[in-house]
Amino acid sequence: MVDLVAAQRVAEEAAVAAGEILLKNRHKIRVKRFKDQQDIVTNVDLKAEKKVLQILSKNFPGHSVFSEEAGLIDHNSPYRWVVDPLDGTKEYFRGVPWFGTCLSLETKKEILVGCVYNPTTDELYSAAKGQGSLENGKRIMVSRQAELKDAFVYTHPPTYKTPKPEFSLIMKRISRLIQHSYRLRTSANDAFVLSWLAKGGVDAYCLLGPLTSWHDVSAGIIIAQEAGARITDIKGKSLRHDDLSHGIVATNGKVHEEIIQLLNR
């Protein structure tokens, strides 16, 4: 059995260490390979990833790890760390200060620990199952906003890669959210938005289809959950572990049903 509080501390240590590397190397970026015309892997991604893997290996040598760049390091363990060493690579490459490191510890059924760190703002979010959520060591909770018309909502936008029928449906749902919430904002930095939901800065987050990867959201999911968020798929059903095929609706709980009804009418 893993000591989850100790694992949370190790996650924080790894995230901060990676963040320091990201900050120090902002002007030393070299593109190592292209995933598409602008989705890239840099030398700094790999350097930050190496540091995280070293810290995890030192503290939990028997745990498996899935890292965005290295792939699966399988130790046949019931525990797996999910690592995104540089979440927001495109922003980082362009000099936009919205990037950081995300990692989580999970089993095949549930997320146990999560950590999200933005080194530019020095925002360190973390959570362990049953222990609540923290921002820089202080307990955080979701907002009490009860009306969607007064709510601040974030969504993850589709891209040119999204199939046309799905793109059209997502845009219709986004239009409904725009018309019925106080403000709708878009972001592809999902773990950061879920962390803002956890501290009450955002009232809801909607992923309206399989538009991102599990490693982009897993840390943020448990941080939001432990702060009191309600999280389901877009049909209002329980979110299945490591399955984003039916999207995510994460809210403070008070505007949840209104959003579910709006998305499915």
C-alpha atoms as a PDB file:
ATOM      1  CA  MET A   1       0.000   0.000   0.000  1.00  0.00           C
ATOM      2  CA  VAL A   2       1.354   3.409  -0.955  1.00  0.00           C
ATOM      3  CA  ASP A   3       1.533   6.280   1.527  1.00  0.00           C
ATOM      4  CA  LEU A   4      -0.481   8.775  -0.505  1.00  0.00           C
ATOM      5  CA  VAL A   5       0.622  11.841   1.443  1.00  0.00           C
ATOM      6  CA  ALA A   6       4.263  10.862   0.873  1.00  0.00           C
ATOM      7  CA  ALA A   7       3.495  10.282  -2.818  1.00  0.00           C
ATOM      8  CA  GLN A   8       1.885  13.725  -2.971  1.00  0.00           C
ATOM      9  CA  ARG A   9       5.069  15.285  -1.594  1.00  0.00           C
ATOM     10  CA  VAL A  10       7.187  13.422  -4.144  1.00  0.00           C
ATOM     11  CA  ALA A  11       4.867  14.606  -6.932  1.00  0.00           C
ATOM     12  CA  GLU A  12       5.283  18.192  -5.735  1.00  0.00           C
ATOM     13  CA  GLU A  13       9.061  17.782  -5.601  1.00  0.00           C
ATOM     14  CA  ALA A  14       9.170  16.384  -9.132  1.00  0.00           C
ATOM     15  CA  ALA A  15       6.847  19.050 -10.560  1.00  0.00           C
ATOM     16  CA  VAL A  16       8.800  21.927  -9.004  1.00  0.00           C
ATOM     17  CA  ALA A  17      12.136  20.467 -10.146  1.00  0.00           C
ATOM     18  CA  ALA A  18      10.821  20.162 -13.696  1.00  0.00           C
ATOM     19  CA  GLY A  19       9.392  23.679 -13.505  1.00  0.00           C
ATOM     20  CA  GLU A  20      12.783  25.084 -12.571  1.00  0.00           C
ATOM     21  CA  ILE A  21      14.250  23.446 -15.664  1.00  0.00           C
ATOM     22  CA  LEU A  22      11.505  24.921 -17.839  1.00  0.00           C
ATOM     23  CA  LEU A  23      12.139  28.433 -16.531  1.00  0.00           C
ATOM     24  CA  LYS A  24      15.929  28.253 -16.818  1.00  0.00           C
ATOM     25  CA  ASN A  25      15.831  27.002 -20.399  1.00  0.00           C
ATOM     26  CA  ARG A  26      13.193  29.275 -21.943  1.00  0.00           C
ATOM     27  CA  HIS A  27      15.789  30.860 -24.228  1.00  0.00           C
ATOM     28  CA  LYS A  28      17.584  27.606 -25.055  1.00  0.00           C
ATOM     29  CA  ILE A  29      14.755  25.795 -26.839  1.00  0.00           C
ATOM     30  CA  ARG A  30      15.532  23.449 -29.723  1.00  0.00           C
ATOM     31  CA  VAL A  31      12.888  21.465 -31.571  1.00  0.00           C
ATOM     32  CA  LYS A  32      13.727  17.758 -31.454  1.00  0.00           C
ATOM     33  CA  ARG A  33      10.818  16.482 -33.538  1.00  0.00           C
ATOM     34  CA  PHE A  34       7.404  17.448 -34.924  1.00  0.00           C
ATOM     35  CA  LYS A  35       4.170  15.606 -34.086  1.00  0.00           C
ATOM     36  CA  ASP A  36       2.360  17.757 -36.664  1.00  0.00           C
ATOM     37  CA  GLN A  37       3.134  21.114 -38.268  1.00  0.00           C
ATOM     38  CA  GLN A  38       3.163  22.928 -34.909  1.00  0.00           C
ATOM     39  CA  ASP A  39       2.867  20.202 -32.236  1.00  0.00           C
ATOM     40  CA  ILE A  40       6.474  19.760 -31.209  1.00  0.00           C
ATOM     41  CA  VAL A  41       8.838  18.047 -28.799  1.00  0.00           C
ATOM     42  CA  THR A  42      11.731  20.186 -27.566  1.00  0.00           C
ATOM     43  CA  ASN A  43      15.023  19.522 -25.839  1.00  0.00           C
ATOM     44  CA  VAL A  44      13.535  21.091 -22.721  1.00  0.00           C
ATOM     45  CA  ASP A  45      10.572  18.652 -22.668  1.00  0.00           C
ATOM     46  CA  LEU A  46      13.075  15.822 -22.606  1.00  0.00           C
ATOM     47  CA  LYS A  47      15.289  17.432 -19.975  1.00  0.00           C
ATOM     48  CA  ALA A  48      12.352  18.102 -17.656  1.00  0.00           C
ATOM     49  CA  GLU A  49      11.017  14.586 -18.251  1.00  0.00           C
ATOM     50  CA  LYS A  50      14.382  13.070 -17.336  1.00  0.00           C
ATOM     51  CA  LYS A  51      14.381  14.931 -14.018  1.00  0.00           C
ATOM     52  CA  VAL A  52      10.854  13.810 -13.140  1.00  0.00           C
ATOM     53  CA  LEU A  53      11.646  10.196 -13.991  1.00  0.00           C
ATOM     54  CA  GLN A  54      14.780  10.310 -11.827  1.00  0.00           C
ATOM     55  CA  ILE A  55      12.821  11.544  -8.806  1.00  0.00           C
ATOM     56  CA  LEU A  56      10.045   8.992  -9.288  1.00  0.00           C
ATOM     57  CA  SER A  57      12.518   6.141  -9.788  1.00  0.00           C
ATOM     58  CA  LYS A  58      14.417   7.100  -6.639  1.00  0.00           C
ATOM     59  CA  ASN A  59      11.306   7.171  -4.456  1.00  0.00           C
ATOM     60  CA  PHE A  60       9.129   4.508  -6.117  1.00  0.00           C
ATOM     61  CA  PRO A  61      11.471   2.226  -8.080  1.00  0.00           C
ATOM     62  CA  GLY A  62       8.832  -0.479  -8.510  1.00  0.00           C
ATOM     63  CA  HIS A  63       6.130   1.754  -9.958  1.00  0.00           C
ATOM     64  CA  SER A  64       5.322   1.854 -13.653  1.00  0.00           C
ATOM     65  CA  VAL A  65       5.408   5.217 -15.432  1.00  0.00           C
ATOM     66  CA  PHE A  66       3.685   6.540 -18.512  1.00  0.00           C
ATOM     67  CA  SER A  67       5.304   9.758 -19.692  1.00  0.00           C
ATOM     68  CA  GLU A  68       4.194  11.736 -22.730  1.00  0.00           C
ATOM     69  CA  GLU A  69       7.582  11.610 -24.426  1.00  0.00           C
ATOM     70  CA  ALA A  70       9.188   8.409 -23.048  1.00  0.00           C
ATOM     71  CA  GLY A  71       6.045   6.315 -23.299  1.00  0.00           C
ATOM     72  CA  LEU A  72       5.361   3.392 -20.952  1.00  0.00           C
ATOM     73  CA  ILE A  73       8.016   2.206 -18.512  1.00  0.00           C
ATOM     74  CA  ASP A  74       6.365  -0.995 -17.347  1.00  0.00           C
ATOM     75  CA  HIS A  75       7.390  -2.582 -14.035  1.00  0.00           C
ATOM     76  CA  ASN A  76       4.290  -4.788 -13.860  1.00  0.00           C
ATOM     77  CA  SER A  77       3.083  -2.724 -10.904  1.00  0.00           C
ATOM     78  CA  PRO A  78      -0.507  -1.993  -9.829  1.00  0.00           C
ATOM     79  CA  TYR A  79       0.625   1.639  -9.554  1.00  0.00           C
ATOM     80  CA  ARG A  80       1.388   3.881 -12.505  1.00  0.00           C
ATOM     81  CA  TRP A  81       2.615   7.469 -12.639  1.00  0.00           C
ATOM     82  CA  VAL A  82       1.239   9.545 -15.521  1.00  0.00           C
ATOM     83  CA  VAL A  83       3.605  12.376 -16.470  1.00  0.00           C
ATOM     84  CA  ASP A  84       3.343  15.388 -18.759  1.00  0.00           C
ATOM     85  CA  PRO A  85       6.708  17.105 -18.267  1.00  0.00           C
ATOM     86  CA  LEU A  86       5.751  20.168 -20.299  1.00  0.00           C
ATOM     87  CA  ASP A  87       2.045  20.807 -20.583  1.00  0.00           C
ATOM     88  CA  GLY A  88       1.661  23.756 -22.948  1.00  0.00           C
ATOM     89  CA  THR A  89       4.627  23.094 -25.218  1.00  0.00           C
ATOM     90  CA  LYS A  90       3.323  25.344 -27.985  1.00  0.00           C
ATOM     91  CA  GLU A  91       2.802  28.228 -25.553  1.00  0.00           C
ATOM     92  CA  TYR A  92       6.251  27.628 -24.078  1.00  0.00           C
ATOM     93  CA  PHE A  93       7.877  27.667 -27.512  1.00  0.00           C
ATOM     94  CA  ARG A  94       6.094  30.928 -28.401  1.00  0.00           C
ATOM     95  CA  GLY A  95       7.025  32.696 -25.167  1.00  0.00           C
ATOM     96  CA  VAL A  96       3.501  32.606 -23.696  1.00  0.00           C
ATOM     97  CA  PRO A  97       3.740  32.086 -19.897  1.00  0.00           C
ATOM     98  CA  TRP A  98       1.064  29.398 -19.659  1.00  0.00           C
ATOM     99  CA  PHE A  99       2.865  26.088 -19.280  1.00  0.00           C
ATOM    100  CA  GLY A 100       3.963  23.708 -16.585  1.00  0.00           C
ATOM    101  CA  THR A 101       4.311  20.134 -15.373  1.00  0.00           C
ATOM    102  CA  CYS A 102       1.531  17.692 -14.522  1.00  0.00           C
ATOM    103  CA  LEU A 103       1.750  14.260 -12.948  1.00  0.00           C
ATOM    104  CA  SER A 104      -0.559  11.816 -11.256  1.00  0.00           C
ATOM    105  CA  LEU A 105      -0.409   8.436  -9.554  1.00  0.00           C
ATOM    106  CA  GLU A 106      -3.121   5.945 -10.388  1.00  0.00           C
ATOM    107  CA  THR A 107      -4.223   2.331 -10.438  1.00  0.00           C
ATOM    108  CA  LYS A 108      -6.248   0.713 -13.193  1.00  0.00           C
ATOM    109  CA  LYS A 109      -9.425   1.943 -11.493  1.00  0.00           C
ATOM    110  CA  GLU A 110      -8.734   5.329  -9.911  1.00  0.00           C
ATOM    111  CA  ILE A 111      -6.462   8.350  -9.551  1.00  0.00           C
ATOM    112  CA  LEU A 112      -4.719   8.518  -6.180  1.00  0.00           C
ATOM    113  CA  VAL A 113      -2.483  11.601  -6.351  1.00  0.00           C
ATOM    114  CA  GLY A 114      -2.229  14.608  -8.649  1.00  0.00           C
ATOM    115  CA  CYS A 115       0.052  17.617  -8.999  1.00  0.00           C
ATOM    116  CA  VAL A 116       0.014  20.589 -11.391  1.00  0.00           C
ATOM    117  CA  TYR A 117       2.713  23.270 -11.349  1.00  0.00           C
ATOM    118  CA  ASN A 118       2.965  26.549 -13.250  1.00  0.00           C
ATOM    119  CA  PRO A 119       6.526  27.794 -12.672  1.00  0.00           C
ATOM    120  CA  THR A 120       5.852  31.233 -14.140  1.00  0.00           C
ATOM    121  CA  THR A 121       3.244  32.076 -11.497  1.00  0.00           C
ATOM    122  CA  ASP A 122       4.604  29.629  -8.890  1.00  0.00           C
ATOM    123  CA  GLU A 123       1.167  28.018  -8.558  1.00  0.00           C
ATOM    124  CA  LEU A 124       1.551  24.517  -7.116  1.00  0.00           C
ATOM    125  CA  TYR A 125      -1.666  22.501  -6.940  1.00  0.00           C
ATOM    126  CA  SER A 126      -1.783  19.013  -5.477  1.00  0.00           C
ATOM    127  CA  ALA A 127      -4.120  16.451  -3.973  1.00  0.00           C
ATOM    128  CA  ALA A 128      -4.165  12.936  -2.546  1.00  0.00           C
ATOM    129  CA  LYS A 129      -7.262  10.763  -2.291  1.00  0.00           C
ATOM    130  CA  GLY A 130      -9.169  11.535   0.888  1.00  0.00           C
ATOM    131  CA  GLN A 131      -6.833  14.374   1.859  1.00  0.00           C
ATOM    132  CA  GLY A 132      -8.324  17.415   0.138  1.00  0.00           C
ATOM    133  CA  SER A 133      -6.617  19.750  -2.336  1.00  0.00           C
ATOM    134  CA  LEU A 134      -3.874  22.315  -1.845  1.00  0.00           C
ATOM    135  CA  GLU A 135      -2.544  25.400  -3.587  1.00  0.00           C
ATOM    136  CA  ASN A 136       0.955  26.205  -2.352  1.00  0.00           C
ATOM    137  CA  GLY A 137       0.233  24.285   0.844  1.00  0.00           C
ATOM    138  CA  LYS A 138      -3.128  25.904   1.625  1.00  0.00           C
ATOM    139  CA  ARG A 139      -6.468  24.090   1.438  1.00  0.00           C
ATOM    140  CA  ILE A 140      -8.706  25.077  -1.486  1.00  0.00           C
ATOM    141  CA  MET A 141     -12.382  24.482  -2.290  1.00  0.00           C
ATOM    142  CA  VAL A 142     -14.680  24.930  -5.264  1.00  0.00           C
ATOM    143  CA  SER A 143     -16.894  27.997  -5.591  1.00  0.00           C
ATOM    144  CA  ARG A 144     -20.445  28.364  -4.293  1.00  0.00           C
ATOM    145  CA  GLN A 145     -21.813  29.940  -7.461  1.00  0.00           C
ATOM    146  CA  ALA A 146     -25.322  28.500  -7.814  1.00  0.00           C
ATOM    147  CA  GLU A 147     -26.530  30.090 -11.061  1.00  0.00           C
ATOM    148  CA  LEU A 148     -25.145  29.252 -14.491  1.00  0.00           C
ATOM    149  CA  LYS A 149     -26.092  32.720 -15.722  1.00  0.00           C
ATOM    150  CA  ASP A 150     -23.518  34.104 -13.266  1.00  0.00           C
ATOM    151  CA  ALA A 151     -20.949  31.345 -13.760  1.00  0.00           C
ATOM    152  CA  PHE A 152     -17.480  31.476 -15.282  1.00  0.00           C
ATOM    153  CA  VAL A 153     -17.080  28.442 -17.541  1.00  0.00           C
ATOM    154  CA  TYR A 154     -14.125  27.031 -19.477  1.00  0.00           C
ATOM    155  CA  THR A 155     -14.197  24.592 -22.370  1.00  0.00           C
ATOM    156  CA  HIS A 156     -11.589  22.872 -24.533  1.00  0.00           C
ATOM    157  CA  PRO A 157     -12.077  23.947 -28.179  1.00  0.00           C
ATOM    158  CA  PRO A 158     -12.063  21.535 -31.127  1.00  0.00           C
ATOM    159  CA  THR A 159      -9.373  21.794 -33.800  1.00  0.00           C
ATOM    160  CA  TYR A 160      -8.998  21.204 -37.529  1.00  0.00           C
ATOM    161  CA  LYS A 161      -8.363  17.538 -36.648  1.00  0.00           C
ATOM    162  CA  THR A 162     -11.834  17.094 -35.124  1.00  0.00           C
ATOM    163  CA  PRO A 163     -14.131  15.157 -37.519  1.00  0.00           C
ATOM    164  CA  LYS A 164     -16.733  17.450 -39.106  1.00  0.00           C
ATOM    165  CA  PRO A 165     -19.892  15.911 -37.565  1.00  0.00           C
ATOM    166  CA  GLU A 166     -18.330  15.997 -34.104  1.00  0.00           C
ATOM    167  CA  PHE A 167     -16.968  19.502 -34.698  1.00  0.00           C
ATOM    168  CA  SER A 168     -20.445  20.752 -35.560  1.00  0.00           C
ATOM    169  CA  LEU A 169     -22.035  19.188 -32.461  1.00  0.00           C
ATOM    170  CA  ILE A 170     -19.318  20.580 -30.184  1.00  0.00           C
ATOM    171  CA  MET A 171     -19.752  24.074 -31.609  1.00  0.00           C
ATOM    172  CA  LYS A 172     -23.525  23.886 -31.056  1.00  0.00           C
ATOM    173  CA  ARG A 173     -22.913  22.954 -27.428  1.00  0.00           C
ATOM    174  CA  ILE A 174     -20.365  25.734 -27.039  1.00  0.00           C
ATOM    175  CA  SER A 175     -22.939  28.179 -28.445  1.00  0.00           C
ATOM    176  CA  ARG A 176     -25.438  27.083 -25.796  1.00  0.00           C
ATOM    177  CA  LEU A 177     -22.866  27.557 -23.045  1.00  0.00           C
ATOM    178  CA  ILE A 178     -22.071  31.043 -24.337  1.00  0.00           C
ATOM    179  CA  GLN A 179     -25.719  32.012 -24.296  1.00  0.00           C
ATOM    180  CA  HIS A 180     -26.491  30.673 -20.833  1.00  0.00           C
ATOM    181  CA  SER A 181     -23.355  31.370 -18.763  1.00  0.00           C
ATOM    182  CA  TYR A 182     -21.894  34.675 -17.614  1.00  0.00           C
ATOM    183  CA  ARG A 183     -18.634  34.112 -19.497  1.00  0.00           C
ATOM    184  CA  LEU A 184     -17.255  31.251 -21.539  1.00  0.00           C
ATOM    185  CA  ARG A 185     -13.509  30.930 -22.053  1.00  0.00           C
ATOM    186  CA  THR A 186     -11.543  28.335 -24.025  1.00  0.00           C
ATOM    187  CA  SER A 187      -8.280  26.633 -23.161  1.00  0.00           C
ATOM    188  CA  ALA A 188      -6.435  23.461 -24.090  1.00  0.00           C
ATOM    189  CA  ASN A 189      -4.458  23.560 -20.821  1.00  0.00           C
ATOM    190  CA  ASP A 190      -6.994  21.319 -19.126  1.00  0.00           C
ATOM    191  CA  ALA A 191      -5.165  20.454 -15.905  1.00  0.00           C
ATOM    192  CA  PHE A 192      -4.642  24.137 -15.106  1.00  0.00           C
ATOM    193  CA  VAL A 193      -8.320  24.928 -15.659  1.00  0.00           C
ATOM    194  CA  LEU A 194      -9.363  22.005 -13.443  1.00  0.00           C
ATOM    195  CA  SER A 195      -7.018  23.366 -10.771  1.00  0.00           C
ATOM    196  CA  TRP A 196      -8.668  26.778 -11.043  1.00  0.00           C
ATOM    197  CA  LEU A 197     -12.018  25.031 -10.647  1.00  0.00           C
ATOM    198  CA  ALA A 198     -10.622  23.467  -7.469  1.00  0.00           C
ATOM    199  CA  LYS A 199      -9.814  26.841  -5.946  1.00  0.00           C
ATOM    200  CA  GLY A 200     -13.072  28.502  -6.985  1.00  0.00           C
ATOM    201  CA  GLY A 201     -11.623  30.678  -9.736  1.00  0.00           C
ATOM    202  CA  VAL A 202     -13.689  28.845 -12.348  1.00  0.00           C
ATOM    203  CA  ASP A 203     -17.187  27.436 -11.778  1.00  0.00           C
ATOM    204  CA  ALA A 204     -17.218  24.760 -14.486  1.00  0.00           C
ATOM    205  CA  TYR A 205     -15.057  23.023 -17.083  1.00  0.00           C
ATOM    206  CA  CYS A 206     -16.430  21.124 -20.080  1.00  0.00           C
ATOM    207  CA  LEU A 207     -14.553  18.772 -22.375  1.00  0.00           C
ATOM    208  CA  LEU A 208     -17.165  18.188 -25.050  1.00  0.00           C
ATOM    209  CA  GLY A 209     -15.559  15.199 -26.750  1.00  0.00           C
ATOM    210  CA  PRO A 210     -12.333  13.159 -26.874  1.00  0.00           C
ATOM    211  CA  LEU A 211     -10.295  16.274 -27.676  1.00  0.00           C
ATOM    212  CA  THR A 212      -7.296  15.621 -25.442  1.00  0.00           C
ATOM    213  CA  SER A 213      -5.361  12.812 -23.747  1.00  0.00           C
ATOM    214  CA  TRP A 214      -5.671  11.265 -20.306  1.00  0.00           C
ATOM    215  CA  HIS A 215      -2.259  12.598 -19.225  1.00  0.00           C
ATOM    216  CA  ASP A 216      -3.552  16.128 -19.868  1.00  0.00           C
ATOM    217  CA  VAL A 217      -6.423  15.813 -17.384  1.00  0.00           C
ATOM    218  CA  SER A 218      -5.706  13.093 -14.813  1.00  0.00           C
ATOM    219  CA  ALA A 219      -3.833  15.291 -12.322  1.00  0.00           C
ATOM    220  CA  GLY A 220      -6.429  18.030 -12.616  1.00  0.00           C
ATOM    221  CA  ILE A 221      -9.316  15.607 -12.116  1.00  0.00           C
ATOM    222  CA  ILE A 222      -8.272  14.493  -8.644  1.00  0.00           C
ATOM    223  CA  ILE A 223      -7.305  18.039  -7.628  1.00  0.00           C
ATOM    224  CA  ALA A 224     -10.805  19.187  -8.570  1.00  0.00           C
ATOM    225  CA  GLN A 225     -12.495  16.173  -6.969  1.00  0.00           C
ATOM    226  CA  GLU A 226     -10.694  16.567  -3.662  1.00  0.00           C
ATOM    227  CA  ALA A 227     -11.713  20.243  -3.590  1.00  0.00           C
ATOM    228  CA  GLY A 228     -15.376  19.278  -3.824  1.00  0.00           C
ATOM    229  CA  ALA A 229     -15.991  19.249  -7.577  1.00  0.00           C
ATOM    230  CA  ARG A 230     -18.590  17.023  -9.181  1.00  0.00           C
ATOM    231  CA  ILE A 231     -17.229  15.265 -12.258  1.00  0.00           C
ATOM    232  CA  THR A 232     -19.160  13.226 -14.819  1.00  0.00           C
ATOM    233  CA  ASP A 233     -19.187  12.658 -18.560  1.00  0.00           C
ATOM    234  CA  ILE A 234     -21.327  14.943 -20.735  1.00  0.00           C
ATOM    235  CA  LYS A 235     -24.322  12.643 -20.277  1.00  0.00           C
ATOM    236  CA  GLY A 236     -24.133  13.047 -16.514  1.00  0.00           C
ATOM    237  CA  LYS A 237     -22.873   9.504 -15.991  1.00  0.00           C
ATOM    238  CA  SER A 238     -19.873   8.529 -13.873  1.00  0.00           C
ATOM    239  CA  LEU A 239     -16.589   9.331 -15.597  1.00  0.00           C
ATOM    240  CA  ARG A 240     -14.835   6.102 -16.483  1.00  0.00           C
ATOM    241  CA  HIS A 241     -11.164   5.887 -15.622  1.00  0.00           C
ATOM    242  CA  ASP A 242      -8.814   6.616 -18.537  1.00  0.00           C
ATOM    243  CA  ASP A 243     -11.771   7.098 -20.908  1.00  0.00           C
ATOM    244  CA  LEU A 244     -12.525  10.486 -22.451  1.00  0.00           C
ATOM    245  CA  SER A 245     -14.765   9.189 -25.235  1.00  0.00           C
ATOM    246  CA  HIS A 246     -17.796  10.893 -23.690  1.00  0.00           C
ATOM    247  CA  GLY A 247     -16.005  14.019 -22.532  1.00  0.00           C
ATOM    248  CA  ILE A 248     -15.977  15.584 -19.077  1.00  0.00           C
ATOM    249  CA  VAL A 249     -18.216  17.969 -17.199  1.00  0.00           C
ATOM    250  CA  ALA A 250     -16.555  19.173 -13.997  1.00  0.00           C
ATOM    251  CA  THR A 251     -18.300  21.776 -11.868  1.00  0.00           C
ATOM    252  CA  ASN A 252     -18.668  23.132  -8.372  1.00  0.00           C
ATOM    253  CA  GLY A 253     -21.692  20.845  -8.111  1.00  0.00           C
ATOM    254  CA  LYS A 254     -24.226  23.644  -7.958  1.00  0.00           C
ATOM    255  CA  VAL A 255     -24.417  24.346 -11.702  1.00  0.00           C
ATOM    256  CA  HIS A 256     -23.831  20.765 -12.786  1.00  0.00           C
ATOM    257  CA  GLU A 257     -27.361  19.630 -13.605  1.00  0.00           C
ATOM    258  CA  GLU A 258     -28.115  22.830 -15.491  1.00  0.00           C
ATOM    259  CA  ILE A 259     -25.060  22.303 -17.697  1.00  0.00           C
ATOM    260  CA  ILE A 260     -25.843  18.626 -18.295  1.00  0.00           C
ATOM    261  CA  GLN A 261     -29.386  19.494 -19.363  1.00  0.00           C
ATOM    262  CA  LEU A 262     -28.128  22.290 -21.602  1.00  0.00           C
ATOM    263  CA  LEU A 263     -25.601  20.059 -23.360  1.00  0.00           C
ATOM    264  CA  ASN A 264     -28.093  17.264 -24.002  1.00  0.00           C
ATOM    265  CA  ARG A 265     -31.267  19.056 -24.984  1.00  0.00           C
END
